[in-house]
Amino acid sequence: MLIATNSEKIDISLEDKTSELAKKFSKTLNKGDVAYFHGEIGVGKTTFIRHIINNLQQLKKKRFN
């Protein structure tokens, strides 16, 4: 599956690619940011968000240890 960005398409058909993209995306987020995810059922929004949450939790643990 390809997703569109402003300048390119990204293949997120494999979960490891989704995880990698979510990791990069989570590093750009700051406290108070709001992200809106829109798409058809079954395109991977929940999986992507789950990976973002896991990455943010890992970042938080690193900051407090």
Foldseek 3Di string as FASTA:
>chain_A
DWDDDPPDIQDPVDLVSLLVVLLVVLVPDDPPDDDDDDDDPPPCPVSSVVSNVVNVVVVVVVVVD
